[in-house]
N, C-alpha and C. Protein backbone atom coordinates (compact mmCIF):
# COMPACT_ATOMS: atom_id res chain seq x y z
N MET A 1 0.71 -1.30 -0.11
CA MET A 1 -0.26 0.10 0.01
C MET A 1 0.88 1.36 0.05
N LYS A 2 0.52 2.39 -0.94
CA LYS A 2 1.21 3.49 -0.80
C LYS A 2 0.94 4.30 0.47
N ILE A 3 2.16 4.70 0.66
CA ILE A 3 2.07 5.59 1.97
C ILE A 3 1.95 7.03 1.57
N ASN A 4 1.12 7.91 1.74
CA ASN A 4 0.72 9.33 1.53
C ASN A 4 1.14 10.33 2.63
N THR A 5 1.70 11.44 2.26
CA THR A 5 2.32 12.25 3.43
C THR A 5 1.49 13.72 3.14
N LEU A 6 0.91 14.08 4.38
CA LEU A 6 0.32 15.72 4.30
C LEU A 6 1.69 16.22 5.44
N GLU A 7 1.95 17.35 4.84
CA GLU A 7 2.90 18.14 5.76
C GLU A 7 2.31 19.66 5.73
N ILE A 8 2.08 19.99 7.04
CA ILE A 8 1.36 21.29 7.32
C ILE A 8 2.56 22.21 8.07
N ASP A 9 3.03 23.04 7.25
CA ASP A 9 4.42 23.73 7.59
C ASP A 9 4.08 25.23 7.66
N SER A 10 4.85 25.74 8.59
CA SER A 10 4.90 27.20 9.00
C SER A 10 3.74 28.11 8.59
N VAL A 11 2.85 27.45 9.51
CA VAL A 11 1.36 28.20 9.40
C VAL A 11 1.58 29.37 10.77
N GLN A 12 1.05 30.35 10.21
CA GLN A 12 1.03 31.56 10.90
C GLN A 12 -0.46 32.12 10.72
N LYS A 13 -0.97 32.65 11.63
CA LYS A 13 -2.35 33.25 11.94
C LYS A 13 -2.62 34.11 12.94
N ARG A 14 -2.79 35.66 12.76
CA ARG A 14 -2.77 36.57 13.42
C ARG A 14 -4.68 37.01 13.28
N PHE A 15 -5.21 37.14 14.42
CA PHE A 15 -6.44 37.95 14.45
C PHE A 15 -6.25 39.28 14.95
N ASP A 16 -6.47 40.27 14.31
CA ASP A 16 -5.92 41.51 15.02
C ASP A 16 -4.72 41.69 15.45
N GLU A 17 -4.79 42.24 16.42
CA GLU A 17 -2.96 41.96 17.12
C GLU A 17 -2.67 40.72 17.73
N LYS A 18 -3.82 39.75 17.61
CA LYS A 18 -3.35 38.76 18.57
C LYS A 18 -2.71 37.60 17.60
N SER A 19 -1.76 36.93 18.10
CA SER A 19 -1.15 35.66 17.36
C SER A 19 -1.94 34.46 17.88
N VAL A 20 -2.46 33.85 16.81
CA VAL A 20 -3.14 32.70 17.04
C VAL A 20 -2.37 31.40 17.03
N LEU A 21 -1.72 31.26 15.82
CA LEU A 21 -0.94 30.28 15.35
C LEU A 21 0.64 30.68 14.99
N THR A 22 1.48 30.22 15.49
CA THR A 22 2.97 30.67 15.14
C THR A 22 3.71 29.28 14.64
N ASP A 23 4.29 29.68 13.39
CA ASP A 23 5.14 28.48 12.81
C ASP A 23 4.91 27.02 12.90
N VAL A 24 3.32 26.77 12.87
CA VAL A 24 2.91 25.53 13.46
C VAL A 24 3.50 24.43 12.37
N TYR A 25 3.94 23.28 12.66
CA TYR A 25 4.39 22.28 11.49
C TYR A 25 3.97 20.95 12.13
N LEU A 26 3.22 20.16 11.42
CA LEU A 26 3.06 18.87 11.56
C LEU A 26 2.84 18.04 10.49
N LYS A 27 3.19 16.59 10.57
CA LYS A 27 2.86 15.84 9.41
C LYS A 27 2.26 14.53 9.66
N CYS A 28 1.47 14.35 8.93
CA CYS A 28 0.34 13.27 8.85
C CYS A 28 0.39 12.20 7.83
N GLU A 29 0.84 10.89 8.22
CA GLU A 29 0.88 9.79 7.03
C GLU A 29 -0.10 8.95 7.11
N THR A 30 -0.23 8.05 5.85
CA THR A 30 -1.39 7.06 5.78
C THR A 30 -0.97 6.08 7.15
N GLY A 31 -2.23 5.97 7.93
CA GLY A 31 -1.93 4.95 9.22
C GLY A 31 -1.98 5.62 10.54
N ASP A 32 -1.67 7.10 10.09
CA ASP A 32 -1.68 8.03 11.53
C ASP A 32 -3.04 8.59 11.72
N ILE A 33 -3.09 8.27 13.25
CA ILE A 33 -4.67 9.05 13.72
C ILE A 33 -3.98 9.88 14.65
N ILE A 34 -3.96 11.27 14.24
CA ILE A 34 -3.15 12.18 15.21
C ILE A 34 -4.32 13.29 16.23
N GLY A 35 -4.30 13.15 17.22
CA GLY A 35 -5.14 13.77 18.42
C GLY A 35 -4.54 14.99 18.59
N LEU A 36 -5.10 16.04 18.42
CA LEU A 36 -5.05 17.23 18.35
C LEU A 36 -5.78 18.17 19.39
N LEU A 37 -5.12 18.25 20.74
CA LEU A 37 -5.85 18.49 21.80
C LEU A 37 -5.45 20.00 22.13
N GLY A 38 -6.19 20.56 23.09
CA GLY A 38 -5.68 22.09 23.26
C GLY A 38 -6.92 22.80 23.91
N ARG A 39 -6.89 23.82 24.90
CA ARG A 39 -7.91 24.36 25.55
C ARG A 39 -8.77 25.36 24.24
N ASN A 40 -9.97 25.69 24.74
CA ASN A 40 -10.76 26.57 24.08
C ASN A 40 -9.72 27.91 23.66
N GLY A 41 -9.93 28.25 22.32
CA GLY A 41 -8.89 29.13 21.76
C GLY A 41 -7.75 29.09 21.47
N SER A 42 -7.43 27.92 21.59
CA SER A 42 -5.81 27.29 21.10
C SER A 42 -5.55 27.33 19.70
N GLY A 43 -6.67 27.41 19.02
CA GLY A 43 -6.31 27.63 17.40
C GLY A 43 -6.67 26.14 16.65
N LYS A 44 -7.17 25.02 17.29
CA LYS A 44 -7.24 23.78 16.71
C LYS A 44 -8.24 23.90 15.60
N SER A 45 -9.22 24.59 15.94
CA SER A 45 -10.32 24.77 14.61
C SER A 45 -9.59 25.44 13.68
N THR A 46 -9.02 26.47 14.02
CA THR A 46 -8.63 27.59 13.06
C THR A 46 -7.40 26.73 12.15
N LEU A 47 -6.71 25.77 12.83
CA LEU A 47 -5.41 25.30 12.27
C LEU A 47 -6.25 24.43 10.93
N LEU A 48 -7.62 23.56 11.20
CA LEU A 48 -7.89 22.58 10.50
C LEU A 48 -8.54 23.42 9.30
N LYS A 49 -9.16 24.11 9.37
CA LYS A 49 -9.63 25.28 8.42
C LYS A 49 -8.65 25.70 7.71
N ILE A 50 -7.75 26.48 8.26
CA ILE A 50 -6.79 26.87 7.05
C ILE A 50 -6.02 25.74 6.23
N VAL A 51 -5.97 24.64 6.83
CA VAL A 51 -5.37 23.57 6.08
C VAL A 51 -6.20 23.05 4.89
N PHE A 52 -7.62 23.38 5.28
CA PHE A 52 -8.42 22.85 4.33
C PHE A 52 -8.86 24.01 3.42
N GLY A 53 -8.41 25.11 3.67
CA GLY A 53 -8.41 26.29 2.72
C GLY A 53 -9.75 27.08 2.86
N ILE A 54 -10.42 27.02 4.11
CA ILE A 54 -11.69 27.83 4.09
C ILE A 54 -11.28 28.97 4.90
N GLN A 55 -10.25 29.24 5.67
CA GLN A 55 -9.89 30.29 6.48
C GLN A 55 -8.37 30.65 6.06
N ASN A 56 -8.33 32.00 5.81
CA ASN A 56 -6.85 32.54 5.20
C ASN A 56 -6.06 32.28 6.55
N ALA A 57 -4.69 32.40 5.97
CA ALA A 57 -3.54 32.41 6.84
C ALA A 57 -2.63 33.55 6.55
N ASP A 58 -1.91 34.07 7.37
CA ASP A 58 -0.98 34.90 7.10
C ASP A 58 0.21 34.27 6.06
N GLN A 59 0.33 33.02 6.50
CA GLN A 59 1.55 32.02 5.81
C GLN A 59 1.24 30.81 6.24
N LYS A 60 1.39 29.78 5.09
CA LYS A 60 1.17 28.53 5.20
C LYS A 60 2.06 27.63 4.19
N PHE A 61 2.33 26.39 4.16
CA PHE A 61 2.76 25.79 3.21
C PHE A 61 1.98 24.24 3.46
N ILE A 62 1.22 23.94 2.42
CA ILE A 62 0.48 22.70 2.48
C ILE A 62 0.96 21.77 1.63
N ARG A 63 1.73 20.61 2.02
CA ARG A 63 2.39 19.69 0.98
C ARG A 63 1.40 18.36 1.03
N VAL A 64 1.17 17.98 -0.22
CA VAL A 64 0.75 16.50 -0.23
C VAL A 64 1.77 15.52 -1.01
N ASN A 65 2.32 14.67 -0.62
CA ASN A 65 3.35 13.75 -1.35
C ASN A 65 4.63 14.83 -1.84
N GLY A 66 4.62 15.94 -1.15
CA GLY A 66 6.01 16.54 -1.40
C GLY A 66 5.73 17.73 -2.48
N ILE A 67 4.36 17.87 -2.76
CA ILE A 67 3.75 18.71 -3.67
C ILE A 67 3.02 19.82 -3.11
N ILE A 68 3.53 21.41 -3.10
CA ILE A 68 2.71 22.14 -2.58
C ILE A 68 1.49 22.57 -3.04
N LYS A 69 0.29 22.60 -2.33
CA LYS A 69 -1.15 22.70 -2.65
C LYS A 69 -1.83 23.53 -1.81
N ASN A 70 -1.90 24.95 -1.78
CA ASN A 70 -2.21 25.85 -0.91
C ASN A 70 -3.87 26.27 -1.19
N LYS A 71 -4.38 25.63 -2.25
CA LYS A 71 -5.66 26.23 -2.74
C LYS A 71 -6.53 25.03 -2.36
N THR A 72 -8.10 25.40 -2.05
CA THR A 72 -9.06 24.53 -1.68
C THR A 72 -9.21 23.59 -2.81
N SER A 73 -9.47 24.17 -3.79
CA SER A 73 -9.50 23.56 -5.21
C SER A 73 -8.61 22.27 -5.49
N GLU A 74 -7.24 22.70 -5.04
CA GLU A 74 -6.30 21.71 -5.54
C GLU A 74 -6.39 20.44 -4.35
N LEU A 75 -6.95 20.75 -3.22
CA LEU A 75 -6.91 19.98 -2.09
C LEU A 75 -8.04 18.92 -1.91
N LEU A 76 -9.27 19.45 -2.68
CA LEU A 76 -10.44 18.62 -2.52
C LEU A 76 -10.22 17.28 -2.69
N GLN A 77 -9.24 16.49 -3.73
CA GLN A 77 -9.28 15.07 -3.92
C GLN A 77 -8.45 14.46 -2.67
N ASP A 78 -7.74 15.36 -2.00
CA ASP A 78 -6.49 14.99 -0.99
C ASP A 78 -7.36 14.71 0.41
N ILE A 79 -8.12 15.61 0.62
CA ILE A 79 -8.29 16.04 2.04
C ILE A 79 -10.00 16.20 2.29
N SER A 80 -10.22 15.54 3.23
CA SER A 80 -11.95 15.71 3.73
C SER A 80 -11.92 16.48 4.74
N TYR A 81 -12.99 17.06 5.07
CA TYR A 81 -13.04 17.89 6.33
C TYR A 81 -14.52 17.85 6.90
N LEU A 82 -14.55 17.52 8.01
CA LEU A 82 -15.77 17.21 8.94
C LEU A 82 -15.74 18.59 9.64
N HIS A 83 -16.68 19.57 9.43
CA HIS A 83 -16.98 20.81 10.11
C HIS A 83 -17.74 20.38 11.44
N GLN A 84 -17.82 21.32 11.98
CA GLN A 84 -18.38 21.17 13.45
C GLN A 84 -20.03 21.20 13.27
N ASP A 85 -20.27 21.88 12.37
CA ASP A 85 -21.76 22.13 11.65
C ASP A 85 -22.14 21.07 10.84
N ASN A 86 -23.32 20.71 10.84
CA ASN A 86 -23.92 19.78 9.94
C ASN A 86 -23.83 20.00 8.33
N PHE A 87 -23.58 19.43 7.35
CA PHE A 87 -23.45 19.79 6.14
C PHE A 87 -24.16 19.14 5.02
N ILE A 88 -25.19 18.26 5.50
CA ILE A 88 -26.26 17.67 4.67
C ILE A 88 -27.57 18.62 4.95
N PRO A 89 -27.97 18.77 3.57
CA PRO A 89 -29.17 19.54 3.51
C PRO A 89 -30.31 18.82 4.30
N SER A 90 -31.11 19.49 4.76
CA SER A 90 -32.39 18.90 5.96
C SER A 90 -33.29 18.01 5.17
N ASN A 91 -33.60 18.70 3.78
CA ASN A 91 -34.62 18.00 3.12
C ASN A 91 -34.14 17.14 2.08
N PHE A 92 -32.82 16.73 2.31
CA PHE A 92 -32.31 15.32 1.46
C PHE A 92 -32.98 13.98 2.48
N SER A 93 -33.12 12.97 1.52
CA SER A 93 -33.38 11.85 2.08
C SER A 93 -32.09 10.97 2.40
N VAL A 94 -31.71 10.46 3.34
CA VAL A 94 -30.84 9.66 3.67
C VAL A 94 -29.98 8.97 2.54
N LYS A 95 -30.91 8.41 1.79
CA LYS A 95 -30.62 7.30 0.40
C LYS A 95 -29.62 8.26 -0.46
N LYS A 96 -30.57 9.76 -0.54
CA LYS A 96 -29.94 10.67 -1.55
C LYS A 96 -28.57 11.34 -1.15
N ALA A 97 -28.53 11.35 0.35
CA ALA A 97 -27.31 11.90 0.71
C ALA A 97 -26.09 10.71 0.67
N ILE A 98 -26.33 9.62 0.63
CA ILE A 98 -25.45 8.46 0.37
C ILE A 98 -25.06 8.30 -1.09
N SER A 99 -26.17 8.45 -1.90
CA SER A 99 -25.98 8.05 -3.27
C SER A 99 -25.12 9.18 -3.90
N LEU A 100 -25.40 10.44 -3.43
CA LEU A 100 -24.36 11.56 -4.09
C LEU A 100 -23.09 11.66 -3.47
N SER A 101 -22.95 10.88 -2.29
CA SER A 101 -21.58 11.04 -1.69
C SER A 101 -20.63 10.08 -1.91
N LEU A 102 -20.99 8.86 -2.47
CA LEU A 102 -20.19 7.68 -2.70
C LEU A 102 -20.38 7.11 -4.11
N LYS A 103 -19.21 6.23 -4.58
CA LYS A 103 -19.36 5.77 -5.85
C LYS A 103 -20.36 4.78 -5.94
N LYS A 104 -21.03 4.49 -6.80
CA LYS A 104 -21.94 3.44 -6.94
C LYS A 104 -21.59 2.27 -6.19
N GLU A 105 -20.38 1.53 -6.51
CA GLU A 105 -20.05 0.20 -6.31
C GLU A 105 -19.72 0.26 -4.61
N ASN A 106 -19.88 1.21 -4.08
CA ASN A 106 -19.55 1.47 -2.58
C ASN A 106 -20.76 1.57 -1.56
N VAL A 107 -21.63 1.61 -2.19
CA VAL A 107 -23.08 2.02 -1.36
C VAL A 107 -23.43 0.78 -0.68
N ALA A 108 -23.63 -0.49 -1.33
CA ALA A 108 -23.98 -1.70 -0.67
C ALA A 108 -23.04 -2.03 0.69
N ALA A 109 -21.84 -1.59 0.67
CA ALA A 109 -20.97 -1.88 1.78
C ALA A 109 -21.21 -1.02 2.66
N PHE A 110 -21.52 0.18 2.47
CA PHE A 110 -21.91 1.38 3.26
C PHE A 110 -23.28 0.90 4.21
N TYR A 111 -24.17 0.21 3.38
CA TYR A 111 -25.54 -0.07 4.30
C TYR A 111 -25.37 -1.30 5.09
N ALA A 112 -24.23 -1.78 4.75
CA ALA A 112 -23.94 -3.06 5.80
C ALA A 112 -23.84 -2.74 7.31
N ASP A 113 -23.68 -1.52 7.43
CA ASP A 113 -23.49 -0.89 8.87
C ASP A 113 -25.00 -0.95 9.58
N GLU A 114 -24.88 -1.71 10.41
CA GLU A 114 -26.62 -1.96 10.96
C GLU A 114 -27.02 -0.32 11.35
N MET A 115 -26.48 0.46 11.96
CA MET A 115 -26.88 1.59 12.40
C MET A 115 -27.48 2.59 11.05
N ILE A 116 -26.47 2.45 9.98
CA ILE A 116 -26.82 3.15 8.91
C ILE A 116 -28.23 2.42 8.14
N LYS A 117 -28.30 1.07 8.28
CA LYS A 117 -29.24 0.49 7.71
C LYS A 117 -30.64 0.99 8.41
N SER A 118 -30.67 1.26 9.55
CA SER A 118 -31.76 1.62 10.19
C SER A 118 -32.38 2.96 9.82
N LEU A 119 -31.33 3.68 9.49
CA LEU A 119 -31.84 5.17 8.95
C LEU A 119 -31.92 5.27 7.54
N ARG A 120 -31.97 4.28 6.53
CA ARG A 120 -32.01 4.51 5.34
C ARG A 120 -33.17 4.94 4.49
N ASP A 121 -34.28 4.85 5.28
CA ASP A 121 -35.76 5.17 4.71
C ASP A 121 -36.13 6.61 5.36
N LYS A 122 -35.29 7.17 6.13
CA LYS A 122 -35.65 8.36 6.83
C LYS A 122 -35.20 9.59 6.09
N TYR A 123 -35.41 10.50 6.48
CA TYR A 123 -35.09 11.83 5.89
C TYR A 123 -34.00 12.73 6.87
N ILE A 124 -33.30 13.44 6.35
CA ILE A 124 -32.06 14.01 7.37
C ILE A 124 -32.93 14.80 8.52
N LYS A 125 -34.05 15.74 8.11
CA LYS A 125 -34.62 16.38 9.32
C LYS A 125 -35.19 15.31 10.18
N GLN A 126 -35.38 14.11 9.85
CA GLN A 126 -35.81 13.16 10.79
C GLN A 126 -35.02 12.30 11.74
N LEU A 127 -33.42 12.77 11.34
CA LEU A 127 -32.52 12.29 12.39
C LEU A 127 -32.38 12.86 13.67
N SER A 128 -31.79 12.34 14.82
CA SER A 128 -31.22 12.80 15.78
C SER A 128 -30.16 13.28 15.55
N GLY A 129 -29.71 14.48 16.45
CA GLY A 129 -28.36 14.85 16.17
C GLY A 129 -27.18 14.02 16.27
N GLY A 130 -27.00 12.98 17.00
CA GLY A 130 -26.08 11.92 17.03
C GLY A 130 -26.10 11.09 15.68
N GLU A 131 -27.57 10.83 15.39
CA GLU A 131 -27.65 9.54 14.11
C GLU A 131 -27.06 10.82 12.78
N LEU A 132 -27.30 11.97 12.58
CA LEU A 132 -26.71 12.88 11.50
C LEU A 132 -25.34 12.93 11.44
N ARG A 133 -24.81 13.12 13.02
CA ARG A 133 -23.43 13.37 13.18
C ARG A 133 -22.65 12.09 12.55
N TYR A 134 -23.09 10.80 13.25
CA TYR A 134 -22.57 9.37 12.97
C TYR A 134 -22.73 9.31 11.12
N LEU A 135 -23.79 9.44 10.47
CA LEU A 135 -24.11 9.36 8.97
C LEU A 135 -22.74 10.48 8.30
N GLU A 136 -22.60 11.31 8.91
CA GLU A 136 -21.79 12.20 8.15
C GLU A 136 -20.23 11.90 8.60
N ILE A 137 -20.10 11.68 9.57
CA ILE A 137 -18.72 10.92 9.71
C ILE A 137 -18.15 9.87 8.97
N LYS A 138 -19.16 8.93 8.81
CA LYS A 138 -19.02 7.48 7.99
C LYS A 138 -19.03 8.11 6.42
N LEU A 139 -19.66 8.83 6.15
CA LEU A 139 -19.67 9.56 4.66
C LEU A 139 -18.33 9.93 4.47
N ILE A 140 -17.76 10.87 5.33
CA ILE A 140 -16.33 11.48 5.00
C ILE A 140 -15.33 10.61 5.04
N LEU A 141 -15.56 9.54 6.22
CA LEU A 141 -14.43 8.40 6.15
C LEU A 141 -14.44 7.49 4.88
N SER A 142 -15.45 7.30 4.48
CA SER A 142 -15.83 6.37 3.33
C SER A 142 -15.28 6.76 1.91
N ASN A 143 -15.09 8.26 1.77
CA ASN A 143 -14.86 8.85 0.66
C ASN A 143 -13.20 8.21 -0.16
N SER A 144 -12.94 8.94 -1.34
CA SER A 144 -11.80 8.50 -1.56
C SER A 144 -10.36 9.39 -1.21
N SER A 145 -10.68 10.36 -0.16
CA SER A 145 -9.59 11.27 0.17
C SER A 145 -8.67 10.41 0.54
N LYS A 146 -7.26 10.94 0.59
CA LYS A 146 -6.26 10.41 1.39
C LYS A 146 -5.81 10.88 2.85
N PHE A 147 -6.63 11.80 3.19
CA PHE A 147 -6.59 12.43 4.86
C PHE A 147 -7.91 13.09 5.04
N VAL A 148 -8.18 13.01 6.34
CA VAL A 148 -9.45 13.36 6.90
C VAL A 148 -9.15 14.41 8.01
N LEU A 149 -9.72 15.40 7.93
CA LEU A 149 -10.03 16.27 9.18
C LEU A 149 -11.08 16.39 9.96
N LEU A 150 -11.20 15.61 11.34
CA LEU A 150 -12.35 15.68 12.13
C LEU A 150 -12.33 16.64 13.06
N ASP A 151 -13.49 17.54 12.98
CA ASP A 151 -13.29 18.76 14.12
C ASP A 151 -14.64 18.49 14.98
N GLU A 152 -14.28 18.21 16.03
CA GLU A 152 -15.57 17.64 17.23
C GLU A 152 -16.32 16.63 16.67
N PRO A 153 -15.86 15.50 16.38
CA PRO A 153 -16.77 14.48 15.64
C PRO A 153 -17.59 13.81 16.97
N TYR A 154 -17.16 13.60 17.95
CA TYR A 154 -17.87 13.39 18.85
C TYR A 154 -19.28 14.11 19.52
N ASN A 155 -19.06 15.29 19.14
CA ASN A 155 -20.23 16.08 19.60
C ASN A 155 -21.53 15.57 19.26
N GLY A 156 -22.60 15.21 20.36
CA GLY A 156 -23.77 14.82 20.36
C GLY A 156 -24.05 13.26 20.07
N LEU A 157 -23.10 12.75 19.97
CA LEU A 157 -22.78 11.30 20.06
C LEU A 157 -23.01 10.59 21.45
N SER A 158 -24.01 9.69 21.50
CA SER A 158 -24.34 8.49 22.58
C SER A 158 -22.82 7.76 22.68
N PRO A 159 -22.70 7.01 23.74
CA PRO A 159 -21.48 6.58 24.06
C PRO A 159 -21.26 5.32 23.07
N VAL A 160 -22.56 4.73 22.79
CA VAL A 160 -22.20 3.60 21.62
C VAL A 160 -21.89 4.08 20.34
N MET A 161 -22.49 5.29 20.02
CA MET A 161 -22.23 5.77 18.74
C MET A 161 -20.74 6.29 18.57
N ALA A 162 -20.25 6.68 19.86
CA ALA A 162 -18.81 7.31 19.93
C ALA A 162 -17.77 6.24 20.00
N GLU A 163 -18.18 5.15 20.30
CA GLU A 163 -17.43 3.79 20.28
C GLU A 163 -17.23 3.25 18.96
N LYS A 164 -18.51 3.31 18.20
CA LYS A 164 -18.65 2.91 16.83
C LYS A 164 -17.64 3.64 15.93
N THR A 165 -17.88 5.34 16.14
CA THR A 165 -17.06 6.08 15.57
C THR A 165 -15.55 5.79 15.64
N ASN A 166 -15.22 5.41 16.70
CA ASN A 166 -13.70 5.32 16.80
C ASN A 166 -13.29 3.79 15.95
N GLU A 167 -14.08 2.85 16.08
CA GLU A 167 -14.00 1.65 15.17
C GLU A 167 -13.84 2.24 13.86
N LEU A 168 -14.92 2.99 13.14
CA LEU A 168 -14.44 3.63 11.81
C LEU A 168 -13.25 4.15 11.69
N ILE A 169 -12.82 4.88 12.81
CA ILE A 169 -11.76 5.74 12.44
C ILE A 169 -10.38 4.75 12.45
N VAL A 170 -10.46 4.04 13.33
CA VAL A 170 -9.05 2.65 13.15
C VAL A 170 -9.43 2.03 12.05
N GLU A 171 -10.45 1.88 11.52
CA GLU A 171 -10.68 0.97 10.45
C GLU A 171 -10.16 1.85 9.12
N ASN A 172 -10.45 2.96 8.83
CA ASN A 172 -9.97 3.66 7.77
C ASN A 172 -8.70 4.05 7.75
N SER A 173 -8.27 4.37 8.96
CA SER A 173 -6.84 4.68 8.97
C SER A 173 -5.78 3.80 8.32
N GLN A 174 -6.22 2.59 8.03
CA GLN A 174 -5.55 1.78 7.35
C GLN A 174 -5.00 2.12 5.80
N ARG A 175 -6.10 3.23 5.44
CA ARG A 175 -5.78 3.68 3.81
C ARG A 175 -5.73 5.34 4.11
N LYS A 176 -5.85 5.80 5.22
CA LYS A 176 -5.87 7.29 5.26
C LYS A 176 -5.04 7.79 6.26
N GLY A 177 -4.65 9.02 6.19
CA GLY A 177 -4.10 9.90 7.59
C GLY A 177 -5.38 10.56 7.94
N ILE A 178 -5.40 10.53 9.30
CA ILE A 178 -6.67 11.27 10.14
C ILE A 178 -6.07 12.14 11.22
N ILE A 179 -6.92 13.19 11.47
CA ILE A 179 -6.35 14.36 12.43
C ILE A 179 -7.51 14.42 13.06
N ILE A 180 -7.77 14.51 14.47
CA ILE A 180 -8.88 14.46 14.99
C ILE A 180 -8.73 15.87 16.17
N THR A 181 -9.46 16.84 16.27
CA THR A 181 -9.74 17.52 17.56
C THR A 181 -10.90 17.49 17.98
N ASP A 182 -11.24 17.34 19.40
CA ASP A 182 -12.46 17.14 20.11
C ASP A 182 -12.18 17.44 21.64
N HIS A 183 -13.20 18.34 22.23
CA HIS A 183 -13.07 18.26 23.81
C HIS A 183 -13.09 17.07 24.58
N ASN A 184 -13.75 16.11 23.90
CA ASN A 184 -13.66 14.41 24.53
C ASN A 184 -12.30 13.83 24.20
N TYR A 185 -11.38 14.55 25.27
CA TYR A 185 -9.87 13.69 25.01
C TYR A 185 -9.74 12.61 25.40
N GLU A 186 -10.56 11.64 26.21
CA GLU A 186 -10.57 10.36 26.46
C GLU A 186 -10.73 9.64 25.20
N LYS A 187 -11.81 10.03 24.48
CA LYS A 187 -12.08 9.21 23.35
C LYS A 187 -10.96 9.57 22.22
N VAL A 188 -10.44 10.69 21.95
CA VAL A 188 -9.37 10.96 21.13
C VAL A 188 -8.08 10.11 21.32
N ILE A 189 -7.83 10.03 22.84
CA ILE A 189 -6.71 9.39 23.42
C ILE A 189 -6.86 8.06 22.85
N GLN A 190 -7.93 7.26 22.94
CA GLN A 190 -8.52 6.16 22.93
C GLN A 190 -7.83 5.54 21.54
N VAL A 191 -7.86 6.38 20.47
CA VAL A 191 -7.41 5.93 18.99
C VAL A 191 -6.35 6.41 18.57
N ALA A 192 -5.84 7.83 19.09
CA ALA A 192 -4.68 8.36 18.49
C ALA A 192 -3.41 7.76 18.61
N THR A 193 -2.93 7.48 17.50
CA THR A 193 -1.37 6.94 17.63
C THR A 193 -0.42 8.04 17.97
N LYS A 194 -0.72 9.09 17.80
CA LYS A 194 0.37 10.42 17.99
C LYS A 194 -0.57 11.62 18.63
N LEU A 195 -0.18 12.19 19.47
CA LEU A 195 -0.69 13.46 20.24
C LEU A 195 -0.04 14.34 20.23
N ILE A 196 -0.71 15.56 19.76
CA ILE A 196 -0.11 16.84 19.53
C ILE A 196 -0.96 18.02 20.42
N LEU A 197 -0.14 18.54 21.30
CA LEU A 197 -1.20 19.86 22.08
C LEU A 197 -0.83 21.08 21.75
N MET A 198 -1.77 21.80 21.48
CA MET A 198 -1.59 23.29 21.08
C MET A 198 -1.82 24.13 22.09
N LYS A 199 -0.77 25.01 22.24
CA LYS A 199 -0.64 25.83 23.51
C LYS A 199 0.06 27.34 23.27
N GLU A 200 -0.97 28.34 23.46
CA GLU A 200 -0.24 29.49 23.06
C GLU A 200 0.20 29.65 21.38
N GLY A 201 -0.56 28.95 20.74
CA GLY A 201 -0.31 29.16 19.33
C GLY A 201 0.77 28.22 18.70
N LYS A 202 1.24 27.50 19.50
CA LYS A 202 2.37 26.47 19.26
C LYS A 202 1.90 25.17 19.44
N VAL A 203 2.38 24.13 18.56
CA VAL A 203 1.91 22.85 18.71
C VAL A 203 3.51 22.13 19.52
N HIS A 204 2.92 21.16 20.26
CA HIS A 204 3.84 20.44 21.23
C HIS A 204 3.59 18.93 20.70
N HIS A 205 4.67 18.21 20.10
CA HIS A 205 4.61 16.82 19.93
C HIS A 205 4.85 16.13 20.86
N LEU A 206 4.01 15.20 21.49
CA LEU A 206 3.82 14.54 22.76
C LEU A 206 4.85 13.38 22.74
N ARG A 207 5.47 12.77 23.69
CA ARG A 207 5.97 11.37 23.71
C ARG A 207 4.77 10.52 23.99
N ASP A 208 3.99 10.72 25.05
CA ASP A 208 2.99 9.74 25.47
C ASP A 208 2.01 10.87 26.05
N LYS A 209 0.88 10.37 26.79
CA LYS A 209 -0.26 10.94 27.13
C LYS A 209 0.03 11.60 28.51
N THR A 210 1.07 10.97 29.30
CA THR A 210 1.30 11.79 30.43
C THR A 210 1.87 13.16 30.36
N GLU A 211 2.35 13.57 29.26
CA GLU A 211 2.71 15.03 29.11
C GLU A 211 1.45 16.07 28.97
N LEU A 212 0.36 15.76 28.47
CA LEU A 212 -0.78 16.36 28.66
C LEU A 212 -1.02 17.01 30.33
N ILE A 213 -0.68 16.17 31.31
CA ILE A 213 -0.66 16.37 32.69
C ILE A 213 0.41 17.27 32.74
N GLU A 214 1.83 16.81 32.58
CA GLU A 214 2.93 17.78 32.57
C GLU A 214 2.81 19.34 32.17
N LYS A 215 2.19 19.41 30.87
CA LYS A 215 1.92 20.64 30.14
C LYS A 215 0.66 21.24 30.41
N GLY A 216 0.20 20.99 31.57
CA GLY A 216 -1.06 21.80 32.19
C GLY A 216 -2.60 21.55 31.38
N TYR A 217 -2.71 20.74 30.35
CA TYR A 217 -3.54 20.57 29.84
C TYR A 217 -5.05 19.49 30.41
N LEU A 218 -4.20 18.76 31.24
CA LEU A 218 -4.94 17.48 32.14
C LEU A 218 -4.42 17.94 33.66
N SER A 219 -5.39 17.57 34.64
CA SER A 219 -5.02 17.63 35.87
C SER A 219 -4.81 16.00 36.39
N GLU A 220 -3.90 16.19 37.56
CA GLU A 220 -3.57 14.82 37.63
C GLU A 220 -5.00 13.90 38.17
N GLY A 221 -5.03 12.74 37.84
CA GLY A 221 -6.11 11.72 38.01
C GLY A 221 -7.21 11.86 36.75
N MET A 222 -6.77 12.68 35.80
CA MET A 222 -7.70 12.69 34.82
C MET A 222 -7.29 11.75 33.69
N LEU A 223 -6.45 10.94 33.44
CA LEU A 223 -5.76 10.25 32.50
C LEU A 223 -6.65 8.77 33.13
């Protein structure tokens, strides 16, 4: 299997006079599940939006397999992005959302998921927040992109759905590189193969999860 590489290099971003991101660098390869943690306002979501190209940066270099691709139009085949907000129109049927998102030959396998099977005859507006979030996560992970950025994927998910989501993430990491940011640090740590802490606009590449305590993100007894 080919190993693809995403490099996020020298990212800088200021809002007014405040520096939000300072020379951020991280690398994600096929098989990586990178847990991106940090307190509110540390720049996690801003970084993902910059990588995907929907937020301007003062400086950035995004490389896919060594080739610089800074425009969203250049990245659409390589990177998928799960926004914090829902992206499927509420008047769509579940079947329509799936058929428009996947290649025809992949639809049957998608419906093999019992949770998806239970939703197939509904409309998006009939789904609970957790059901819709799970559907969106599975659609994003099932497409042909090389990398996936997940912003708050566990938001609104029941414990069972969160566990199933982590199973999906691990399964799809065999052919993709995945970056997750979420306040549910326990679920992130559960699947992450690498941990990165964002603090004061900088990224800290951690050796292991105990550094989350050493660097002040978690308190003693929270791991």
